[in-house]
C-alpha cells in the first residue's frame, strides 16, 4: 500500500469509516442469525471489510478472479442480488451517493466522495463479488483473461 493510500485510509477510519464498517458488521451478524439471510451476511461482511479500508482495494467479480463459478456467481447469485437490490441495495446506494455529493463540495472531501461512490456500487450488487488489493497486476487479478 502506498503512503498516500495509507494516509487516506487512516483519515477515513478516524473520520467515520470505523463506524460505517461496524454498522455493516452488525448488519452481517443480524443477517447470519436469521439463517435465511446467510448469503446477504457474507455480502455485508465483504462490504464491512471494504468500508474499513476502501483506498487501495477494488471490487471484482469472484468468478473472474478465481477462474471458477460458485453458488453466488450463477443464477442463484443473480436472484440473491435482485432481492438485495429491492430490499436494501438501492437505499444504501442512495445514502452513499448523498454523502459523496456532500463530500465532493470540498477539495479535501474528494477522495472520500470517491470512496463513497465505490461503496455505492458494491451496495447495489454485492453477491458474487470480492474485495482484492488494487495493487495486483491485471493478469493476477483476472487469471482467466490472459
Protein backbone atom coordinates (compact mmCIF):
# COMPACT_ATOMS: atom_id res chain seq x y z
CA UNK A 1 0.00 0.00 0.00
CA UNK A 2 1.37 3.37 -0.98
CA UNK A 3 1.89 6.07 1.66
CA UNK A 4 -0.93 8.15 0.15
CA UNK A 5 -3.40 5.26 0.35
CA UNK A 6 -2.29 4.55 3.91
CA UNK A 7 -2.82 8.20 4.87
CA UNK A 8 -6.25 8.25 3.20
CA UNK A 9 -7.27 5.03 4.97
CA UNK A 10 -6.15 6.40 8.35
CA UNK A 11 -8.11 9.62 7.78
CA UNK A 12 -11.10 7.57 6.58
CA UNK A 13 -11.06 5.43 9.75
CA UNK A 14 -10.68 8.45 12.04
CA UNK A 15 -13.47 10.44 10.39
CA UNK A 16 -16.15 7.77 10.43
CA UNK A 17 -15.01 4.75 8.45
CA UNK A 18 -14.74 2.55 11.52
CA UNK A 19 -18.35 3.31 12.48
CA UNK A 20 -19.58 2.56 8.99
CA UNK A 21 -17.67 -0.75 8.96
CA UNK A 22 -19.05 -1.61 12.41
CA UNK A 23 -22.58 -0.97 11.16
CA UNK A 24 -22.02 -3.35 8.25
CA UNK A 25 -20.65 -6.00 10.68
CA UNK A 26 -23.74 -5.62 12.87
CA UNK A 27 -25.94 -5.98 9.78
CA UNK A 28 -24.00 -9.11 8.79
CA UNK A 29 -24.42 -10.64 12.25
CA UNK A 30 -28.15 -9.91 12.25
CA UNK A 31 -28.49 -11.45 8.79
CA UNK A 32 -26.49 -14.53 9.85
CA UNK A 33 -28.71 -15.04 12.90
CA UNK A 34 -31.77 -15.28 10.66
CA UNK A 35 -30.20 -18.22 8.74
CA UNK A 36 -32.24 -17.20 5.68
CA UNK A 37 -30.03 -14.12 5.40
CA UNK A 38 -26.72 -16.03 5.21
CA UNK A 39 -25.98 -15.13 1.56
CA UNK A 40 -26.51 -11.48 2.38
CA UNK A 41 -24.49 -11.80 5.60
CA UNK A 42 -21.42 -12.75 3.59
CA UNK A 43 -22.03 -9.76 1.33
CA UNK A 44 -22.39 -7.47 4.36
CA UNK A 45 -19.08 -8.73 5.78
CA UNK A 46 -17.38 -8.10 2.42
CA UNK A 47 -18.77 -4.58 2.40
CA UNK A 48 -17.61 -4.10 6.01
CA UNK A 49 -14.06 -5.00 5.03
CA UNK A 50 -14.22 -2.72 2.04
CA UNK A 51 -15.75 0.06 4.13
CA UNK A 52 -12.96 -0.17 6.70
CA UNK A 53 -10.14 0.28 4.16
CA UNK A 54 -11.54 1.45 0.81
CA UNK A 55 -8.35 3.06 -0.52
CA UNK A 56 -6.05 0.57 -2.21
CA UNK A 57 -8.76 -2.04 -2.78
CA UNK A 58 -11.10 -2.82 -5.62
CA UNK A 59 -14.18 -4.97 -6.07
CA UNK A 60 -14.01 -7.68 -8.73
CA UNK A 61 -16.35 -10.46 -9.83
CA UNK A 62 -15.44 -13.55 -7.82
CA UNK A 63 -15.77 -15.97 -10.76
CA UNK A 64 -13.40 -13.89 -12.90
CA UNK A 65 -10.89 -13.58 -10.06
CA UNK A 66 -10.84 -17.26 -9.08
CA UNK A 67 -11.45 -18.65 -12.54
CA UNK A 68 -14.39 -20.77 -11.44
CA UNK A 69 -18.03 -20.17 -10.74
CA UNK A 70 -19.81 -20.92 -7.50
CA UNK A 71 -23.27 -20.63 -6.00
CA UNK A 72 -23.03 -16.85 -5.64
CA UNK A 73 -21.87 -16.19 -9.19
CA UNK A 74 -24.56 -18.13 -11.06
CA UNK A 75 -28.33 -17.79 -11.36
CA UNK A 76 -28.85 -18.04 -7.59
CA UNK A 77 -26.38 -15.20 -7.07
CA UNK A 78 -28.32 -13.13 -9.59
CA UNK A 79 -31.56 -13.86 -7.72
CA UNK A 80 -29.89 -13.02 -4.41
CA UNK A 81 -28.65 -9.72 -5.83
CA UNK A 82 -32.14 -8.89 -7.12
CA UNK A 83 -33.61 -9.49 -3.66
CA UNK A 84 -30.78 -7.48 -2.07
CA UNK A 85 -31.33 -4.63 -4.55
CA UNK A 86 -35.06 -4.43 -3.82
CA UNK A 87 -34.81 -4.74 -0.02
CA UNK A 88 -31.62 -2.85 0.81
CA UNK A 89 -29.28 -2.11 -2.08
CA UNK A 90 -30.93 0.87 -3.69
CA UNK A 91 -31.42 2.87 -0.49
CA UNK A 92 -27.91 2.06 0.75
CA UNK A 93 -26.51 3.23 -2.57
CA UNK A 94 -28.58 6.42 -2.42
CA UNK A 95 -27.23 7.07 1.07
CA UNK A 96 -23.66 6.69 -0.15
CA UNK A 97 -24.39 8.94 -3.16
CA UNK A 98 -25.84 11.69 -0.94
CA UNK A 99 -22.82 11.59 1.36
CA UNK A 100 -20.50 11.55 -1.68
CA UNK A 101 -22.22 14.63 -3.10
CA UNK A 102 -21.76 16.45 0.20
CA UNK A 103 -18.09 15.49 0.43
CA UNK A 104 -17.39 16.40 -3.19
CA UNK A 105 -18.15 20.05 -2.46
CA UNK A 106 -14.75 20.44 -0.80
CA UNK A 107 -11.37 19.60 -2.27
CA UNK A 108 -10.36 17.72 0.88
CA UNK A 109 -13.52 15.61 0.67
CA UNK A 110 -12.99 14.47 -2.95
CA UNK A 111 -11.11 11.23 -2.16
CA UNK A 112 -13.72 10.33 0.46
CA UNK A 113 -16.51 11.11 -2.02
CA UNK A 114 -14.84 8.71 -4.47
CA UNK A 115 -14.72 6.02 -1.75
CA UNK A 116 -18.45 6.50 -1.14
CA UNK A 117 -19.11 6.13 -4.86
CA UNK A 118 -17.23 2.82 -4.84
CA UNK A 119 -19.23 1.74 -1.78
CA UNK A 120 -22.46 2.69 -3.52
CA UNK A 121 -21.54 0.40 -6.40
CA UNK A 122 -20.96 -2.63 -4.21
CA UNK A 123 -24.01 -1.82 -2.07
CA UNK A 124 -26.19 -2.26 -5.17
CA UNK A 125 -24.96 -5.69 -6.28
CA UNK A 126 -22.62 -7.36 -3.69
CA UNK A 127 -23.19 -11.10 -4.07
CA UNK A 128 -20.60 -12.78 -6.26
CA UNK A 129 -18.06 -10.01 -5.77
CA UNK A 130 -14.92 -9.89 -3.70
CA UNK A 131 -12.55 -7.23 -2.42
CA UNK A 132 -8.93 -7.51 -3.57
CA UNK A 133 -5.89 -5.23 -3.32
CA UNK A 134 -5.77 -2.70 -6.16
CA UNK A 135 -2.01 -3.19 -6.49
CA UNK A 136 -2.41 -6.58 -8.16
CA UNK A 137 -1.45 -6.59 -11.83
CA UNK A 138 -4.36 -7.08 -14.21
CA UNK A 139 -3.28 -10.64 -15.09
CA UNK A 140 -3.03 -11.62 -11.43
CA UNK A 141 -6.41 -10.13 -10.66
CA UNK A 142 -8.09 -11.84 -13.62
CA UNK A 143 -6.25 -15.10 -14.38
CA UNK A 144 -8.86 -16.23 -16.94
CA UNK A 145 -8.27 -13.19 -19.19
CA UNK A 146 -4.65 -13.85 -20.16
